[in-house]
Amino acid sequence: VADDVALPEGDEHAGRRGLAGTVLV
């Protein structure tokens, strides 16, 4: 789960994070 939309997609960081939306999954 990588529902974080604050971070841009790309290789500049470790990836979009899993946040509260994980609970819906």
PDB file of all heavy atoms in Angstrom:
ATOM      1  N   VAL A   1       0.855  -1.194   0.000  1.00  0.00           N
ATOM      2  CA  VAL A   1       0.000   0.000   0.000  1.00  0.00           C
ATOM      3  C   VAL A   1       0.887   1.239   0.000  1.00  0.00           C
ATOM      4  O   VAL A   1       1.726   1.413   0.894  1.00  0.00           O
ATOM      5  CB  VAL A   1      -0.943   0.020   1.212  1.00  0.00           C
ATOM      6  CG1 VAL A   1      -1.879   1.221   1.130  1.00  0.00           C
ATOM      7  CG2 VAL A   1      -1.744  -1.270   1.295  1.00  0.00           C
ATOM      8  N   ALA A   2       0.706   2.083  -1.000  1.00  0.00           N
ATOM      9  CA  ALA A   2       1.495   3.314  -1.136  1.00  0.00           C
ATOM     10  C   ALA A   2       0.546   4.445  -1.514  1.00  0.00           C
ATOM     11  O   ALA A   2       0.644   5.020  -2.591  1.00  0.00           O
ATOM     12  CB  ALA A   2       2.581   3.130  -2.190  1.00  0.00           C
ATOM     13  N   ASP A   3      -0.384   4.755  -0.610  1.00  0.00           N
ATOM     14  CA  ASP A   3      -1.447   5.703  -0.931  1.00  0.00           C
ATOM     15  C   ASP A   3      -1.064   7.162  -0.725  1.00  0.00           C
ATOM     16  O   ASP A   3      -1.870   8.068  -0.961  1.00  0.00           O
ATOM     17  CB  ASP A   3      -2.711   5.390  -0.117  1.00  0.00           C
ATOM     18  CG  ASP A   3      -2.463   5.319   1.378  1.00  0.00           C
ATOM     19  OD1 ASP A   3      -1.401   4.817   1.791  1.00  0.00           O
ATOM     20  OD2 ASP A   3      -3.342   5.739   2.152  1.00  0.00           O
ATOM     21  N   ASP A   4       0.164   7.428  -0.311  1.00  0.00           N
ATOM     22  CA  ASP A   4       0.631   8.789  -0.062  1.00  0.00           C
ATOM     23  C   ASP A   4       0.744   9.560  -1.383  1.00  0.00           C
ATOM     24  O   ASP A   4       1.549   9.198  -2.241  1.00  0.00           O
ATOM     25  CB  ASP A   4       1.995   8.705   0.626  1.00  0.00           C
ATOM     26  CG  ASP A   4       2.618  10.055   0.880  1.00  0.00           C
ATOM     27  OD1 ASP A   4       1.914  11.082   0.785  1.00  0.00           O
ATOM     28  OD2 ASP A   4       3.830  10.092   1.151  1.00  0.00           O
ATOM     29  N   VAL A   5      -0.034  10.625  -1.534  1.00  0.00           N
ATOM     30  CA  VAL A   5       0.039  11.427  -2.759  1.00  0.00           C
ATOM     31  C   VAL A   5       0.841  12.703  -2.567  1.00  0.00           C
ATOM     32  O   VAL A   5       1.006  13.482  -3.513  1.00  0.00           O
ATOM     33  CB  VAL A   5      -1.377  11.783  -3.278  1.00  0.00           C
ATOM     34  CG1 VAL A   5      -2.173  10.533  -3.589  1.00  0.00           C
ATOM     35  CG2 VAL A   5      -2.120  12.673  -2.275  1.00  0.00           C
ATOM     36  N   ALA A   6       1.370  12.935  -1.363  1.00  0.00           N
ATOM     37  CA  ALA A   6       2.154  14.148  -1.139  1.00  0.00           C
ATOM     38  C   ALA A   6       3.499  14.063  -1.847  1.00  0.00           C
ATOM     39  O   ALA A   6       4.022  15.063  -2.341  1.00  0.00           O
ATOM     40  CB  ALA A   6       2.362  14.373   0.358  1.00  0.00           C
ATOM     41  N   LEU A   7       4.078  12.850  -1.873  1.00  0.00           N
ATOM     42  CA  LEU A   7       5.360  12.657  -2.533  1.00  0.00           C
ATOM     43  C   LEU A   7       5.158  12.409  -4.020  1.00  0.00           C
ATOM     44  O   LEU A   7       4.252  11.677  -4.411  1.00  0.00           O
ATOM     45  CB  LEU A   7       6.092  11.451  -1.925  1.00  0.00           C
ATOM     46  CG  LEU A   7       6.563  11.594  -0.479  1.00  0.00           C
ATOM     47  CD1 LEU A   7       7.064  10.261   0.030  1.00  0.00           C
ATOM     48  CD2 LEU A   7       7.641  12.654  -0.372  1.00  0.00           C
ATOM     49  N   PRO A   8       6.005  12.983  -4.860  1.00  0.00           N
ATOM     50  CA  PRO A   8       5.898  12.708  -6.299  1.00  0.00           C
ATOM     51  C   PRO A   8       6.363  11.286  -6.592  1.00  0.00           C
ATOM     52  O   PRO A   8       7.141  10.689  -5.845  1.00  0.00           O
ATOM     53  CB  PRO A   8       6.844  13.739  -6.924  1.00  0.00           C
ATOM     54  CG  PRO A   8       7.863  13.995  -5.851  1.00  0.00           C
ATOM     55  CD  PRO A   8       7.110  13.919  -4.546  1.00  0.00           C
ATOM     56  N   GLU A   9       5.867  10.728  -7.668  1.00  0.00           N
ATOM     57  CA  GLU A   9       6.340   9.422  -8.094  1.00  0.00           C
ATOM     58  C   GLU A   9       7.721   9.585  -8.729  1.00  0.00           C
ATOM     59  O   GLU A   9       8.007  10.576  -9.379  1.00  0.00           O
ATOM     60  CB  GLU A   9       5.369   8.792  -9.094  1.00  0.00           C
ATOM     61  CG  GLU A   9       4.031   8.430  -8.474  1.00  0.00           C
ATOM     62  CD  GLU A   9       3.121   7.714  -9.448  1.00  0.00           C
ATOM     63  OE1 GLU A   9       2.994   8.210 -10.573  1.00  0.00           O
ATOM     64  OE2 GLU A   9       2.557   6.668  -9.069  1.00  0.00           O
ATOM     65  N   GLY A  10       8.595   8.596  -8.529  1.00  0.00           N
ATOM     66  CA  GLY A  10       9.940   8.662  -9.091  1.00  0.00           C
ATOM     67  C   GLY A  10      10.941   7.972  -8.205  1.00  0.00           C
ATOM     68  O   GLY A  10      10.604   7.381  -7.165  1.00  0.00           O
ATOM     69  N   ASP A  11      12.224   8.070  -8.591  1.00  0.00           N
ATOM     70  CA  ASP A  11      13.312   7.382  -7.885  1.00  0.00           C
ATOM     71  C   ASP A  11      14.060   8.296  -6.929  1.00  0.00           C
ATOM     72  O   ASP A  11      15.115   7.924  -6.418  1.00  0.00           O
ATOM     73  CB  ASP A  11      14.305   6.806  -8.906  1.00  0.00           C
ATOM     74  CG  ASP A  11      13.661   5.726  -9.761  1.00  0.00           C
ATOM     75  OD1 ASP A  11      12.765   5.022  -9.254  1.00  0.00           O
ATOM     76  OD2 ASP A  11      14.059   5.613 -10.933  1.00  0.00           O
ATOM     77  N   GLU A  12      13.535   9.508  -6.699  1.00  0.00           N
ATOM     78  CA  GLU A  12      14.272  10.444  -5.853  1.00  0.00           C
ATOM     79  C   GLU A  12      14.131  10.134  -4.378  1.00  0.00           C
ATOM     80  O   GLU A  12      14.771  10.758  -3.547  1.00  0.00           O
ATOM     81  CB  GLU A  12      13.789  11.883  -6.119  1.00  0.00           C
ATOM     82  CG  GLU A  12      14.066  12.404  -7.527  1.00  0.00           C
ATOM     83  CD  GLU A  12      13.078  11.858  -8.541  1.00  0.00           C
ATOM     84  OE1 GLU A  12      11.962  11.461  -8.128  1.00  0.00           O
ATOM     85  OE2 GLU A  12      13.431  11.813  -9.733  1.00  0.00           O
ATOM     86  N   HIS A  13      13.258   9.208  -4.025  1.00  0.00           N
ATOM     87  CA  HIS A  13      13.049   8.845  -2.628  1.00  0.00           C
ATOM     88  C   HIS A  13      12.712   7.361  -2.568  1.00  0.00           C
ATOM     89  O   HIS A  13      12.732   6.660  -3.584  1.00  0.00           O
ATOM     90  CB  HIS A  13      11.911   9.681  -2.013  1.00  0.00           C
ATOM     91  CG  HIS A  13      10.673   9.736  -2.854  1.00  0.00           C
ATOM     92  ND1 HIS A  13       9.814   8.660  -2.990  1.00  0.00           N
ATOM     93  CD2 HIS A  13      10.170  10.726  -3.634  1.00  0.00           C
ATOM     94  CE1 HIS A  13       8.819   8.992  -3.791  1.00  0.00           C
ATOM     95  NE2 HIS A  13       9.006  10.235  -4.210  1.00  0.00           N
ATOM     96  N   ALA A  14      12.441   6.864  -1.370  1.00  0.00           N
ATOM     97  CA  ALA A  14      12.237   5.429  -1.173  1.00  0.00           C
ATOM     98  C   ALA A  14      10.847   4.957  -1.591  1.00  0.00           C
ATOM     99  O   ALA A  14      10.525   3.792  -1.426  1.00  0.00           O
ATOM    100  CB  ALA A  14      12.484   5.059   0.290  1.00  0.00           C
ATOM    101  N   GLY A  15      10.043   5.846  -2.133  1.00  0.00           N
ATOM    102  CA  GLY A  15       8.727   5.439  -2.600  1.00  0.00           C
ATOM    103  C   GLY A  15       7.610   6.076  -1.797  1.00  0.00           C
ATOM    104  O   GLY A  15       7.791   6.476  -0.644  1.00  0.00           O
ATOM    105  N   ARG A  16       6.449   6.184  -2.417  1.00  0.00           N
ATOM    106  CA  ARG A  16       5.289   6.723  -1.718  1.00  0.00           C
ATOM    107  C   ARG A  16       4.924   5.821  -0.548  1.00  0.00           C
ATOM    108  O   ARG A  16       4.932   4.597  -0.658  1.00  0.00           O
ATOM    109  CB  ARG A  16       4.116   6.847  -2.691  1.00  0.00           C
ATOM    110  CG  ARG A  16       4.282   8.004  -3.667  1.00  0.00           C
ATOM    111  CD  ARG A  16       3.099   8.142  -4.596  1.00  0.00           C
ATOM    112  NE  ARG A  16       3.063   9.486  -5.185  1.00  0.00           N
ATOM    113  CZ  ARG A  16       2.146   9.902  -6.041  1.00  0.00           C
ATOM    114  NH1 ARG A  16       1.167   9.084  -6.406  1.00  0.00           N
ATOM    115  NH2 ARG A  16       2.177  11.124  -6.518  1.00  0.00           N
ATOM    116  N   ARG A  17       4.555   6.447   0.564  1.00  0.00           N
ATOM    117  CA  ARG A  17       4.365   5.720   1.810  1.00  0.00           C
ATOM    118  C   ARG A  17       2.944   5.177   1.961  1.00  0.00           C
ATOM    119  O   ARG A  17       2.013   5.665   1.341  1.00  0.00           O
ATOM    120  CB  ARG A  17       4.688   6.658   2.978  1.00  0.00           C
ATOM    121  CG  ARG A  17       6.095   7.200   2.930  1.00  0.00           C
ATOM    122  CD  ARG A  17       6.294   8.443   3.778  1.00  0.00           C
ATOM    123  NE  ARG A  17       5.610   9.604   3.229  1.00  0.00           N
ATOM    124  CZ  ARG A  17       5.871  10.858   3.586  1.00  0.00           C
ATOM    125  NH1 ARG A  17       6.773  11.098   4.512  1.00  0.00           N
ATOM    126  NH2 ARG A  17       5.203  11.860   3.049  1.00  0.00           N
ATOM    127  N   GLY A  18       2.811   4.177   2.807  1.00  0.00           N
ATOM    128  CA  GLY A  18       1.505   3.656   3.163  1.00  0.00           C
ATOM    129  C   GLY A  18       0.934   4.445   4.327  1.00  0.00           C
ATOM    130  O   GLY A  18       1.578   4.570   5.375  1.00  0.00           O
ATOM    131  N   LEU A  19      -0.268   4.993   4.152  1.00  0.00           N
ATOM    132  CA  LEU A  19      -0.868   5.857   5.171  1.00  0.00           C
ATOM    133  C   LEU A  19      -2.227   5.296   5.578  1.00  0.00           C
ATOM    134  O   LEU A  19      -2.462   4.089   5.503  1.00  0.00           O
ATOM    135  CB  LEU A  19      -0.981   7.284   4.624  1.00  0.00           C
ATOM    136  CG  LEU A  19       0.339   7.944   4.177  1.00  0.00           C
ATOM    137  CD1 LEU A  19       0.080   9.323   3.584  1.00  0.00           C
ATOM    138  CD2 LEU A  19       1.348   8.025   5.304  1.00  0.00           C
ATOM    139  N   ALA A  20      -3.133   6.164   6.009  1.00  0.00           N
ATOM    140  CA  ALA A  20      -4.397   5.725   6.602  1.00  0.00           C
ATOM    141  C   ALA A  20      -5.277   4.939   5.648  1.00  0.00           C
ATOM    142  O   ALA A  20      -6.099   4.118   6.071  1.00  0.00           O
ATOM    143  CB  ALA A  20      -5.172   6.939   7.140  1.00  0.00           C
ATOM    144  N   GLY A  21      -5.105   5.141   4.347  1.00  0.00           N
ATOM    145  CA  GLY A  21      -5.891   4.376   3.400  1.00  0.00           C
ATOM    146  C   GLY A  21      -5.670   2.884   3.501  1.00  0.00           C
ATOM    147  O   GLY A  21      -6.505   2.089   3.037  1.00  0.00           O
ATOM    148  N   THR A  22      -4.561   2.477   4.119  1.00  0.00           N
ATOM    149  CA  THR A  22      -4.290   1.059   4.338  1.00  0.00           C
ATOM    150  C   THR A  22      -5.452   0.378   5.043  1.00  0.00           C
ATOM    151  O   THR A  22      -5.745  -0.799   4.795  1.00  0.00           O
ATOM    152  CB  THR A  22      -3.005   0.895   5.177  1.00  0.00           C
ATOM    153  OG1 THR A  22      -1.940   1.615   4.544  1.00  0.00           O
ATOM    154  CG2 THR A  22      -2.615  -0.563   5.309  1.00  0.00           C
ATOM    155  N   VAL A  23      -6.131   1.102   5.923  1.00  0.00           N
ATOM    156  CA  VAL A  23      -7.232   0.520   6.691  1.00  0.00           C
ATOM    157  C   VAL A  23      -8.366   0.076   5.766  1.00  0.00           C
ATOM    158  O   VAL A  23      -9.021  -0.944   6.008  1.00  0.00           O
ATOM    159  CB  VAL A  23      -7.732   1.530   7.746  1.00  0.00           C
ATOM    160  CG1 VAL A  23      -8.962   1.012   8.468  1.00  0.00           C
ATOM    161  CG2 VAL A  23      -6.620   1.838   8.740  1.00  0.00           C
ATOM    162  N   LEU A  24      -8.622   0.816   4.688  1.00  0.00           N
ATOM    163  CA  LEU A  24      -9.662   0.415   3.741  1.00  0.00           C
ATOM    164  C   LEU A  24      -9.256  -0.859   3.007  1.00  0.00           C
ATOM    165  O   LEU A  24     -10.095  -1.726   2.730  1.00  0.00           O
ATOM    166  CB  LEU A  24      -9.931   1.538   2.747  1.00  0.00           C
ATOM    167  CG  LEU A  24     -10.433   2.866   3.345  1.00  0.00           C
ATOM    168  CD1 LEU A  24     -10.689   3.881   2.233  1.00  0.00           C
ATOM    169  CD2 LEU A  24     -11.693   2.648   4.160  1.00  0.00           C
ATOM    170  N   VAL A  25      -7.980  -0.993   2.679  1.00  0.00           N
ATOM    171  CA  VAL A  25      -7.492  -2.222   2.049  1.00  0.00           C
ATOM    172  C   VAL A  25      -7.697  -3.402   2.994  1.00  0.00           C
ATOM    173  O   VAL A  25      -8.149  -4.481   2.590  1.00  0.00           O
ATOM    174  CB  VAL A  25      -6.002  -2.084   1.681  1.00  0.00           C
ATOM    175  CG1 VAL A  25      -5.483  -3.380   1.057  1.00  0.00           C
ATOM    176  CG2 VAL A  25      -5.779  -0.919   0.730  1.00  0.00           C
TER     177      VAL A  25
END
